[in-house]
Amino acid sequence: SGVVVFAKTSKALTRLNEQFRSKEIKKTYWAIVKNRPKLEAATLTDF
């Protein structure tokens, strides 16, 4: 569930697509899990 962005004009679509490609758009998610992570906060890097 959650937030989804739509473009209503071609100009907006082109510019927002470019922001996504250049990682200028920040998306934050909430997740509910049963098992508590070992750390309060961390960065995960996987392949």
All heavy atoms as atom14 arrays in JSON, in Angstrom:
{
  "sequence": "SGVVVFAKTSKALTRLNEQFRSKEIKKTYWAIVKNRPKLEAATLTDF",
  "atom14_mask": [
    [1, 1, 1, 1, 1, 1, 0, 0, 0, 0, 0, 0, 0, 0],
    [1, 1, 1, 1, 0, 0, 0, 0, 0, 0, 0, 0, 0, 0],
    [1, 1, 1, 1, 1, 1, 1, 0, 0, 0, 0, 0, 0, 0],
    [1, 1, 1, 1, 1, 1, 1, 0, 0, 0, 0, 0, 0, 0],
    [1, 1, 1, 1, 1, 1, 1, 0, 0, 0, 0, 0, 0, 0],
    [1, 1, 1, 1, 1, 1, 1, 1, 1, 1, 1, 0, 0, 0],
    [1, 1, 1, 1, 1, 0, 0, 0, 0, 0, 0, 0, 0, 0],
    [1, 1, 1, 1, 1, 1, 1, 1, 1, 0, 0, 0, 0, 0],
    [1, 1, 1, 1, 1, 1, 1, 0, 0, 0, 0, 0, 0, 0],
    [1, 1, 1, 1, 1, 1, 0, 0, 0, 0, 0, 0, 0, 0],
    [1, 1, 1, 1, 1, 1, 1, 1, 1, 0, 0, 0, 0, 0],
    [1, 1, 1, 1, 1, 0, 0, 0, 0, 0, 0, 0, 0, 0],
    [1, 1, 1, 1, 1, 1, 1, 1, 0, 0, 0, 0, 0, 0],
    [1, 1, 1, 1, 1, 1, 1, 0, 0, 0, 0, 0, 0, 0],
    [1, 1, 1, 1, 1, 1, 1, 1, 1, 1, 1, 0, 0, 0],
    [1, 1, 1, 1, 1, 1, 1, 1, 0, 0, 0, 0, 0, 0],
    [1, 1, 1, 1, 1, 1, 1, 1, 0, 0, 0, 0, 0, 0],
    [1, 1, 1, 1, 1, 1, 1, 1, 1, 0, 0, 0, 0, 0],
    [1, 1, 1, 1, 1, 1, 1, 1, 1, 0, 0, 0, 0, 0],
    [1, 1, 1, 1, 1, 1, 1, 1, 1, 1, 1, 0, 0, 0],
    [1, 1, 1, 1, 1, 1, 1, 1, 1, 1, 1, 0, 0, 0],
    [1, 1, 1, 1, 1, 1, 0, 0, 0, 0, 0, 0, 0, 0],
    [1, 1, 1, 1, 1, 1, 1, 1, 1, 0, 0, 0, 0, 0],
    [1, 1, 1, 1, 1, 1, 1, 1, 1, 0, 0, 0, 0, 0],
    [1, 1, 1, 1, 1, 1, 1, 1, 0, 0, 0, 0, 0, 0],
    [1, 1, 1, 1, 1, 1, 1, 1, 1, 0, 0, 0, 0, 0],
    [1, 1, 1, 1, 1, 1, 1, 1, 1, 0, 0, 0, 0, 0],
    [1, 1, 1, 1, 1, 1, 1, 0, 0, 0, 0, 0, 0, 0],
    [1, 1, 1, 1, 1, 1, 1, 1, 1, 1, 1, 1, 0, 0],
    [1, 1, 1, 1, 1, 1, 1, 1, 1, 1, 1, 1, 1, 1],
    [1, 1, 1, 1, 1, 0, 0, 0, 0, 0, 0, 0, 0, 0],
    [1, 1, 1, 1, 1, 1, 1, 1, 0, 0, 0, 0, 0, 0],
    [1, 1, 1, 1, 1, 1, 1, 0, 0, 0, 0, 0, 0, 0],
    [1, 1, 1, 1, 1, 1, 1, 1, 1, 0, 0, 0, 0, 0],
    [1, 1, 1, 1, 1, 1, 1, 1, 0, 0, 0, 0, 0, 0],
    [1, 1, 1, 1, 1, 1, 1, 1, 1, 1, 1, 0, 0, 0],
    [1, 1, 1, 1, 1, 1, 1, 0, 0, 0, 0, 0, 0, 0],
    [1, 1, 1, 1, 1, 1, 1, 1, 1, 0, 0, 0, 0, 0],
    [1, 1, 1, 1, 1, 1, 1, 1, 0, 0, 0, 0, 0, 0],
    [1, 1, 1, 1, 1, 1, 1, 1, 1, 0, 0, 0, 0, 0],
    [1, 1, 1, 1, 1, 0, 0, 0, 0, 0, 0, 0, 0, 0],
    [1, 1, 1, 1, 1, 0, 0, 0, 0, 0, 0, 0, 0, 0],
    [1, 1, 1, 1, 1, 1, 1, 0, 0, 0, 0, 0, 0, 0],
    [1, 1, 1, 1, 1, 1, 1, 1, 0, 0, 0, 0, 0, 0],
    [1, 1, 1, 1, 1, 1, 1, 0, 0, 0, 0, 0, 0, 0],
    [1, 1, 1, 1, 1, 1, 1, 1, 0, 0, 0, 0, 0, 0],
    [1, 1, 1, 1, 1, 1, 1, 1, 1, 1, 1, 0, 0, 0]
  ],
  "atom14_positions": [
    [[0.84, -1.2, 0.0], [0.0, 0.0, 0.0], [0.87, 1.24, 0.0], [2.08, 1.18, 0.2], [-0.91, 0.0, 1.24], [-0.13, -0.03, 2.42], [0.0, 0.0, 0.0], [0.0, 0.0, 0.0], [0.0, 0.0, 0.0], [0.0, 0.0, 0.0], [0.0, 0.0, 0.0], [0.0, 0.0, 0.0], [0.0, 0.0, 0.0], [0.0, 0.0, 0.0]],
    [[0.21, 2.4, -0.23], [0.94, 3.64, -0.03], [0.98, 4.59, -1.21], [0.25, 4.46, -2.2], [0.0, 0.0, 0.0], [0.0, 0.0, 0.0], [0.0, 0.0, 0.0], [0.0, 0.0, 0.0], [0.0, 0.0, 0.0], [0.0, 0.0, 0.0], [0.0, 0.0, 0.0], [0.0, 0.0, 0.0], [0.0, 0.0, 0.0], [0.0, 0.0, 0.0]],
    [[1.88, 5.55, -1.1], [1.93, 6.71, -1.98], [2.42, 6.35, -3.38], [3.41, 5.62, -3.55], [2.81, 7.81, -1.34], [4.26, 7.39, -1.22], [2.7, 9.11, -2.1], [0.0, 0.0, 0.0], [0.0, 0.0, 0.0], [0.0, 0.0, 0.0], [0.0, 0.0, 0.0], [0.0, 0.0, 0.0], [0.0, 0.0, 0.0], [0.0, 0.0, 0.0]],
    [[1.69, 6.86, -4.39], [2.06, 6.68, -5.8], [1.91, 8.03, -6.5], [0.89, 8.71, -6.33], [1.18, 5.63, -6.51], [1.54, 5.55, -7.99], [1.33, 4.27, -5.86], [0.0, 0.0, 0.0], [0.0, 0.0, 0.0], [0.0, 0.0, 0.0], [0.0, 0.0, 0.0], [0.0, 0.0, 0.0], [0.0, 0.0, 0.0], [0.0, 0.0, 0.0]],
    [[2.92, 8.4, -7.28], [2.92, 9.69, -7.98], [2.58, 9.49, -9.46], [3.17, 8.63, -10.13], [4.31, 10.37, -7.86], [4.3, 11.72, -8.58], [4.71, 10.54, -6.4], [0.0, 0.0, 0.0], [0.0, 0.0, 0.0], [0.0, 0.0, 0.0], [0.0, 0.0, 0.0], [0.0, 0.0, 0.0], [0.0, 0.0, 0.0], [0.0, 0.0, 0.0]],
    [[1.64, 10.3, -9.94], [1.26, 10.3, -11.36], [1.58, 11.66, -11.97], [1.46, 12.7, -11.3], [-0.24, 10.05, -11.54], [-0.7, 8.69, -11.13], [-1.21, 8.48, -9.87], [-0.63, 7.63, -12.01], [-1.66, 7.22, -9.48], [-1.06, 6.36, -11.65], [-1.58, 6.16, -10.39], [0.0, 0.0, 0.0], [0.0, 0.0, 0.0], [0.0, 0.0, 0.0]],
    [[1.96, 11.66, -13.25], [2.16, 12.89, -13.99], [0.92, 13.16, -14.85], [0.43, 12.26, -15.53], [3.4, 12.79, -14.88], [0.0, 0.0, 0.0], [0.0, 0.0, 0.0], [0.0, 0.0, 0.0], [0.0, 0.0, 0.0], [0.0, 0.0, 0.0], [0.0, 0.0, 0.0], [0.0, 0.0, 0.0], [0.0, 0.0, 0.0], [0.0, 0.0, 0.0]],
    [[0.44, 14.4, -14.81], [-0.75, 14.77, -15.58], [-0.4, 15.46, -16.89], [-1.28, 15.71, -17.72], [-1.64, 15.69, -14.74], [-2.23, 15.01, -13.51], [-2.93, 16.0, -12.59], [-4.19, 16.57, -13.2], [-4.88, 17.47, -12.23], [0.0, 0.0, 0.0], [0.0, 0.0, 0.0], [0.0, 0.0, 0.0], [0.0, 0.0, 0.0], [0.0, 0.0, 0.0]],
    [[0.88, 15.79, -17.07], [1.34, 16.42, -18.32], [2.62, 15.74, -18.77], [3.36, 15.16, -17.97], [1.61, 17.92, -18.12], [2.7, 18.09, -17.19], [0.38, 18.64, -17.6], [0.0, 0.0, 0.0], [0.0, 0.0, 0.0], [0.0, 0.0, 0.0], [0.0, 0.0, 0.0], [0.0, 0.0, 0.0], [0.0, 0.0, 0.0], [0.0, 0.0, 0.0]],
    [[2.9, 15.84, -20.06], [4.12, 15.23, -20.59], [5.37, 15.91, -20.03], [6.39, 15.26, -19.8], [4.12, 15.3, -22.13], [4.0, 16.63, -22.58], [0.0, 0.0, 0.0], [0.0, 0.0, 0.0], [0.0, 0.0, 0.0], [0.0, 0.0, 0.0], [0.0, 0.0, 0.0], [0.0, 0.0, 0.0], [0.0, 0.0, 0.0], [0.0, 0.0, 0.0]],
    [[5.29, 17.21, -19.81], [6.43, 17.94, -19.23], [6.74, 17.4, -17.84], [7.9, 17.13, -17.5], [6.11, 19.44, -19.15], [7.23, 20.27, -18.52], [6.77, 21.7, -18.23], [6.54, 22.47, -19.5], [6.21, 23.91, -19.22], [0.0, 0.0, 0.0], [0.0, 0.0, 0.0], [0.0, 0.0, 0.0], [0.0, 0.0, 0.0], [0.0, 0.0, 0.0]],
    [[5.71, 17.23, -17.02], [5.91, 16.71, -15.67], [6.45, 15.29, -15.71], [7.34, 14.93, -14.93], [4.6, 16.76, -14.89], [0.0, 0.0, 0.0], [0.0, 0.0, 0.0], [0.0, 0.0, 0.0], [0.0, 0.0, 0.0], [0.0, 0.0, 0.0], [0.0, 0.0, 0.0], [0.0, 0.0, 0.0], [0.0, 0.0, 0.0], [0.0, 0.0, 0.0]],
    [[5.94, 14.48, -16.62], [6.39, 13.09, -16.72], [7.87, 13.01, -17.07], [8.63, 12.27, -16.42], [5.56, 12.36, -17.79], [5.92, 10.9, -18.02], [5.67, 10.07, -16.77], [5.11, 10.34, -19.2], [0.0, 0.0, 0.0], [0.0, 0.0, 0.0], [0.0, 0.0, 0.0], [0.0, 0.0, 0.0], [0.0, 0.0, 0.0], [0.0, 0.0, 0.0]],
    [[8.3, 13.78, -18.04], [9.72, 13.77, -18.44], [10.62, 14.2, -17.29], [11.64, 13.56, -17.01], [9.93, 14.71, -19.65], [9.15, 14.24, -20.74], [11.4, 14.74, -20.05], [0.0, 0.0, 0.0], [0.0, 0.0, 0.0], [0.0, 0.0, 0.0], [0.0, 0.0, 0.0], [0.0, 0.0, 0.0], [0.0, 0.0, 0.0], [0.0, 0.0, 0.0]],
    [[10.25, 15.26, -16.61], [11.09, 15.79, -15.54], [11.09, 14.89, -14.31], [12.14, 14.72, -13.66], [10.62, 17.21, -15.18], [10.88, 18.21, -16.3], [10.37, 19.6, -15.97], [10.66, 20.54, -17.05], [10.27, 21.81, -17.07], [9.59, 22.31, -16.04], [10.56, 22.59, -18.08], [0.0, 0.0, 0.0], [0.0, 0.0, 0.0], [0.0, 0.0, 0.0]],
    [[9.96, 14.31, -13.97], [9.92, 13.4, -12.82], [10.66, 12.1, -13.12], [11.34, 11.55, -12.25], [8.48, 13.11, -12.43], [7.75, 14.27, -11.74], [6.27, 13.95, -11.59], [8.36, 14.58, -10.37], [0.0, 0.0, 0.0], [0.0, 0.0, 0.0], [0.0, 0.0, 0.0], [0.0, 0.0, 0.0], [0.0, 0.0, 0.0], [0.0, 0.0, 0.0]],
    [[10.54, 11.61, -14.34], [11.31, 10.42, -14.74], [12.8, 10.66, -14.58], [13.54, 9.78, -14.13], [10.99, 10.03, -16.18], [9.68, 9.27, -16.32], [9.18, 8.71, -15.34], [9.13, 9.26, -17.51], [0.0, 0.0, 0.0], [0.0, 0.0, 0.0], [0.0, 0.0, 0.0], [0.0, 0.0, 0.0], [0.0, 0.0, 0.0], [0.0, 0.0, 0.0]],
    [[13.23, 11.85, -14.93], [14.65, 12.19, -14.8], [15.06, 12.25, -13.33], [16.15, 11.8, -12.96], [14.94, 13.53, -15.48], [16.4, 13.96, -15.41], [17.37, 12.92, -15.95], [17.04, 12.23, -16.94], [18.48, 12.77, -15.36], [0.0, 0.0, 0.0], [0.0, 0.0, 0.0], [0.0, 0.0, 0.0], [0.0, 0.0, 0.0], [0.0, 0.0, 0.0]],
    [[14.19, 12.77, -12.47], [14.49, 12.8, -11.04], [14.62, 11.39, -10.47], [15.48, 11.12, -9.63], [13.4, 13.57, -10.27], [13.46, 15.08, -10.44], [12.53, 15.8, -9.49], [12.55, 15.56, -8.29], [11.72, 16.71, -10.03], [0.0, 0.0, 0.0], [0.0, 0.0, 0.0], [0.0, 0.0, 0.0], [0.0, 0.0, 0.0], [0.0, 0.0, 0.0]],
    [[13.77, 10.48, -10.94], [13.87, 9.09, -10.48], [15.17, 8.46, -10.97], [15.86, 7.76, -10.22], [12.67, 8.27, -10.96], [11.57, 8.2, -9.94], [10.48, 9.05, -10.03], [11.62, 7.3, -8.89], [9.46, 9.0, -9.08], [10.61, 7.24, -7.94], [9.53, 8.09, -8.04], [0.0, 0.0, 0.0], [0.0, 0.0, 0.0], [0.0, 0.0, 0.0]],
    [[15.51, 8.71, -12.22], [16.74, 8.13, -12.78], [17.97, 8.63, -12.03], [18.92, 7.87, -11.81], [16.86, 8.45, -14.27], [16.11, 7.5, -15.19], [16.53, 7.67, -16.63], [16.13, 8.96, -17.14], [14.96, 9.21, -17.75], [14.1, 8.23, -17.92], [14.68, 10.41, -18.2], [0.0, 0.0, 0.0], [0.0, 0.0, 0.0], [0.0, 0.0, 0.0]],
    [[17.96, 9.89, -11.66], [19.12, 10.48, -10.98], [19.02, 10.35, -9.45], [19.82, 10.93, -8.73], [19.27, 11.95, -11.37], [18.09, 12.67, -11.08], [0.0, 0.0, 0.0], [0.0, 0.0, 0.0], [0.0, 0.0, 0.0], [0.0, 0.0, 0.0], [0.0, 0.0, 0.0], [0.0, 0.0, 0.0], [0.0, 0.0, 0.0], [0.0, 0.0, 0.0]],
    [[18.01, 9.59, -8.97], [17.84, 9.3, -7.54], [17.67, 10.56, -6.71], [18.14, 10.66, -5.58], [19.01, 8.46, -7.03], [19.16, 7.12, -7.74], [20.33, 6.33, -7.22], [20.47, 5.02, -7.98], [21.63, 4.23, -7.54], [0.0, 0.0, 0.0], [0.0, 0.0, 0.0], [0.0, 0.0, 0.0], [0.0, 0.0, 0.0], [0.0, 0.0, 0.0]],
    [[16.97, 11.54, -7.27], [16.68, 12.77, -6.54], [15.38, 12.69, -5.76], [15.07, 13.58, -4.97], [16.63, 13.95, -7.52], [17.94, 14.24, -8.23], [17.78, 15.27, -9.33], [16.88, 16.12, -9.22], [18.55, 15.23, -10.31], [0.0, 0.0, 0.0], [0.0, 0.0, 0.0], [0.0, 0.0, 0.0], [0.0, 0.0, 0.0], [0.0, 0.0, 0.0]],
    [[14.6, 11.64, -6.01], [13.33, 11.47, -5.32], [13.54, 10.53, -4.14], [14.07, 9.43, -4.29], [12.25, 10.92, -6.28], [11.93, 11.99, -7.34], [10.99, 10.52, -5.51], [10.87, 11.59, -8.34], [0.0, 0.0, 0.0], [0.0, 0.0, 0.0], [0.0, 0.0, 0.0], [0.0, 0.0, 0.0], [0.0, 0.0, 0.0], [0.0, 0.0, 0.0]],
    [[13.11, 10.95, -2.97], [13.28, 10.14, -1.76], [11.97, 9.45, -1.42], [10.94, 10.09, -1.24], [13.72, 11.01, -0.58], [13.93, 10.21, 0.71], [14.33, 11.1, 1.87], [14.52, 10.27, 3.14], [14.86, 11.11, 4.31], [0.0, 0.0, 0.0], [0.0, 0.0, 0.0], [0.0, 0.0, 0.0], [0.0, 0.0, 0.0], [0.0, 0.0, 0.0]],
    [[12.02, 8.12, -1.32], [10.85, 7.33, -0.93], [11.14, 6.65, 0.4], [12.19, 6.05, 0.57], [10.53, 6.28, -2.0], [10.04, 6.86, -3.31], [9.54, 5.77, -4.25], [10.67, 4.89, -4.73], [10.2, 3.85, -5.65], [0.0, 0.0, 0.0], [0.0, 0.0, 0.0], [0.0, 0.0, 0.0], [0.0, 0.0, 0.0], [0.0, 0.0, 0.0]],
    [[10.21, 6.77, 1.31], [10.34, 6.15, 2.63], [9.21, 5.15, 2.83], [8.05, 5.45, 2.54], [10.3, 7.21, 3.74], [11.39, 8.13, 3.54], [10.43, 6.57, 5.11], [0.0, 0.0, 0.0], [0.0, 0.0, 0.0], [0.0, 0.0, 0.0], [0.0, 0.0, 0.0], [0.0, 0.0, 0.0], [0.0, 0.0, 0.0], [0.0, 0.0, 0.0]],
    [[9.57, 3.97, 3.33], [8.6, 2.91, 3.55], [8.5, 2.57, 5.03], [9.47, 2.73, 5.77], [9.02, 1.64, 2.79], [8.89, 1.73, 1.29], [9.85, 2.39, 0.54], [7.83, 1.13, 0.61], [9.76, 2.47, -0.85], [7.72, 1.2, -0.76], [8.68, 1.87, -1.48], [8.58, 1.94, -2.85], [0.0, 0.0, 0.0], [0.0, 0.0, 0.0]],
    [[7.34, 2.06, 5.43], [7.16, 1.46, 6.75], [6.9, -0.02, 6.55], [6.12, -0.41, 5.66], [6.0, 2.1, 7.49], [6.33, 3.43, 8.12], [7.49, 4.13, 8.02], [5.46, 4.22, 8.93], [7.43, 5.3, 8.73], [6.19, 5.38, 9.31], [4.17, 4.07, 9.39], [5.64, 6.38, 10.11], [3.61, 5.05, 10.2], [4.34, 6.2, 10.56]],
    [[7.52, -0.84, 7.36], [7.33, -2.29, 7.29], [7.1, -2.84, 8.69], [7.79, -2.45, 9.63], [8.56, -2.95, 6.66], [0.0, 0.0, 0.0], [0.0, 0.0, 0.0], [0.0, 0.0, 0.0], [0.0, 0.0, 0.0], [0.0, 0.0, 0.0], [0.0, 0.0, 0.0], [0.0, 0.0, 0.0], [0.0, 0.0, 0.0], [0.0, 0.0, 0.0]],
    [[6.15, -3.75, 8.81], [5.9, -4.44, 10.08], [6.49, -5.84, 10.0], [6.2, -6.59, 9.06], [4.39, -4.53, 10.39], [3.8, -3.13, 10.56], [4.15, -5.36, 11.65], [2.29, -3.12, 10.75], [0.0, 0.0, 0.0], [0.0, 0.0, 0.0], [0.0, 0.0, 0.0], [0.0, 0.0, 0.0], [0.0, 0.0, 0.0], [0.0, 0.0, 0.0]],
    [[7.36, -6.16, 10.96], [8.0, -7.48, 10.99], [7.77, -8.12, 12.36], [7.57, -7.43, 13.36], [9.52, -7.38, 10.69], [9.77, -6.8, 9.31], [10.23, -6.53, 11.75], [0.0, 0.0, 0.0], [0.0, 0.0, 0.0], [0.0, 0.0, 0.0], [0.0, 0.0, 0.0], [0.0, 0.0, 0.0], [0.0, 0.0, 0.0], [0.0, 0.0, 0.0]],
    [[7.8, -9.44, 12.39], [7.6, -10.17, 13.65], [8.9, -10.3, 14.43], [8.92, -10.16, 15.66], [7.01, -11.56, 13.37], [6.64, -12.34, 14.63], [5.9, -13.62, 14.29], [5.53, -14.4, 15.55], [4.62, -13.65, 16.44], [0.0, 0.0, 0.0], [0.0, 0.0, 0.0], [0.0, 0.0, 0.0], [0.0, 0.0, 0.0], [0.0, 0.0, 0.0]],
    [[9.98, -10.55, 13.73], [11.28, -10.73, 14.39], [11.98, -9.38, 14.55], [12.09, -8.62, 13.57], [12.16, -11.68, 13.58], [11.52, -13.05, 13.41], [10.77, -13.5, 14.27], [11.81, -13.71, 12.29], [0.0, 0.0, 0.0], [0.0, 0.0, 0.0], [0.0, 0.0, 0.0], [0.0, 0.0, 0.0], [0.0, 0.0, 0.0], [0.0, 0.0, 0.0]],
    [[12.45, -9.1, 15.72], [13.15, -7.82, 15.96], [14.56, -7.87, 15.37], [15.31, -8.82, 15.64], [13.23, -7.54, 17.46], [13.82, -6.17, 17.79], [13.93, -5.94, 19.29], [14.5, -4.63, 19.58], [13.8, -3.53, 19.75], [12.48, -3.58, 19.69], [14.39, -2.37, 20.0], [0.0, 0.0, 0.0], [0.0, 0.0, 0.0], [0.0, 0.0, 0.0]],
    [[14.94, -6.87, 14.58], [16.31, -6.83, 14.06], [17.32, -6.78, 15.2], [17.03, -6.26, 16.29], [16.34, -5.53, 13.24], [14.92, -5.27, 12.88], [14.12, -5.76, 14.05], [0.0, 0.0, 0.0], [0.0, 0.0, 0.0], [0.0, 0.0, 0.0], [0.0, 0.0, 0.0], [0.0, 0.0, 0.0], [0.0, 0.0, 0.0], [0.0, 0.0, 0.0]],
    [[18.52, -7.3, 14.96], [19.55, -7.3, 15.99], [20.03, -5.89, 16.32], [20.45, -5.62, 17.44], [20.73, -8.16, 15.52], [20.38, -9.65, 15.38], [21.57, -10.44, 14.87], [21.21, -11.92, 14.71], [22.34, -12.71, 14.15], [0.0, 0.0, 0.0], [0.0, 0.0, 0.0], [0.0, 0.0, 0.0], [0.0, 0.0, 0.0], [0.0, 0.0, 0.0]],
    [[19.96, -5.0, 15.32], [20.4, -3.62, 15.52], [19.2, -2.67, 15.46], [18.23, -2.94, 14.76], [21.42, -3.23, 14.44], [22.72, -4.05, 14.41], [23.56, -3.64, 13.2], [23.52, -3.84, 15.69], [0.0, 0.0, 0.0], [0.0, 0.0, 0.0], [0.0, 0.0, 0.0], [0.0, 0.0, 0.0], [0.0, 0.0, 0.0], [0.0, 0.0, 0.0]],
    [[19.28, -1.57, 16.19], [18.21, -0.58, 16.16], [18.12, 0.12, 14.81], [17.05, 0.53, 14.37], [18.45, 0.48, 17.25], [18.28, -0.05, 18.67], [16.85, -0.42, 18.98], [15.94, 0.39, 18.69], [16.64, -1.53, 19.51], [0.0, 0.0, 0.0], [0.0, 0.0, 0.0], [0.0, 0.0, 0.0], [0.0, 0.0, 0.0], [0.0, 0.0, 0.0]],
    [[19.28, 0.25, 14.16], [19.35, 0.88, 12.84], [20.57, 0.35, 12.12], [21.59, 0.04, 12.76], [19.42, 2.4, 12.97], [0.0, 0.0, 0.0], [0.0, 0.0, 0.0], [0.0, 0.0, 0.0], [0.0, 0.0, 0.0], [0.0, 0.0, 0.0], [0.0, 0.0, 0.0], [0.0, 0.0, 0.0], [0.0, 0.0, 0.0], [0.0, 0.0, 0.0]],
    [[20.49, 0.23, 10.8], [21.61, -0.3, 10.03], [21.39, -0.03, 8.55], [20.28, 0.29, 8.12], [21.79, -1.8, 10.28], [0.0, 0.0, 0.0], [0.0, 0.0, 0.0], [0.0, 0.0, 0.0], [0.0, 0.0, 0.0], [0.0, 0.0, 0.0], [0.0, 0.0, 0.0], [0.0, 0.0, 0.0], [0.0, 0.0, 0.0], [0.0, 0.0, 0.0]],
    [[22.45, -0.18, 7.79], [22.38, -0.13, 6.33], [22.7, -1.52, 5.8], [23.71, -2.13, 6.22], [23.38, 0.89, 5.76], [23.01, 2.2, 6.21], [23.37, 0.87, 4.23], [0.0, 0.0, 0.0], [0.0, 0.0, 0.0], [0.0, 0.0, 0.0], [0.0, 0.0, 0.0], [0.0, 0.0, 0.0], [0.0, 0.0, 0.0], [0.0, 0.0, 0.0]],
    [[21.85, -2.04, 4.95], [22.04, -3.35, 4.35], [22.5, -3.2, 2.92], [21.9, -2.47, 2.12], [20.73, -4.15, 4.36], [20.02, -4.36, 5.69], [18.74, -5.16, 5.47], [20.93, -5.07, 6.69], [0.0, 0.0, 0.0], [0.0, 0.0, 0.0], [0.0, 0.0, 0.0], [0.0, 0.0, 0.0], [0.0, 0.0, 0.0], [0.0, 0.0, 0.0]],
    [[23.58, -3.88, 2.58], [24.06, -3.91, 1.2], [24.18, -5.37, 0.78], [24.94, -6.14, 1.38], [25.43, -3.22, 1.06], [25.32, -1.85, 1.5], [25.88, -3.21, -0.4], [0.0, 0.0, 0.0], [0.0, 0.0, 0.0], [0.0, 0.0, 0.0], [0.0, 0.0, 0.0], [0.0, 0.0, 0.0], [0.0, 0.0, 0.0], [0.0, 0.0, 0.0]],
    [[23.42, -5.76, -0.21], [23.43, -7.13, -0.72], [23.49, -7.11, -2.24], [23.34, -6.06, -2.87], [22.14, -7.88, -0.3], [22.01, -8.01, 1.21], [22.86, -8.67, 1.81], [21.05, -7.45, 1.78], [0.0, 0.0, 0.0], [0.0, 0.0, 0.0], [0.0, 0.0, 0.0], [0.0, 0.0, 0.0], [0.0, 0.0, 0.0], [0.0, 0.0, 0.0]],
    [[23.68, -8.28, -2.8], [23.53, -8.45, -4.24], [22.35, -9.38, -4.45], [22.27, -10.44, -3.83], [24.81, -9.01, -4.87], [25.9, -7.99, -4.96], [26.74, -7.75, -3.88], [26.06, -7.22, -6.1], [27.73, -6.78, -3.93], [27.04, -6.24, -6.17], [27.88, -6.02, -5.09], [0.0, 0.0, 0.0], [0.0, 0.0, 0.0], [0.0, 0.0, 0.0]]
  ]
}
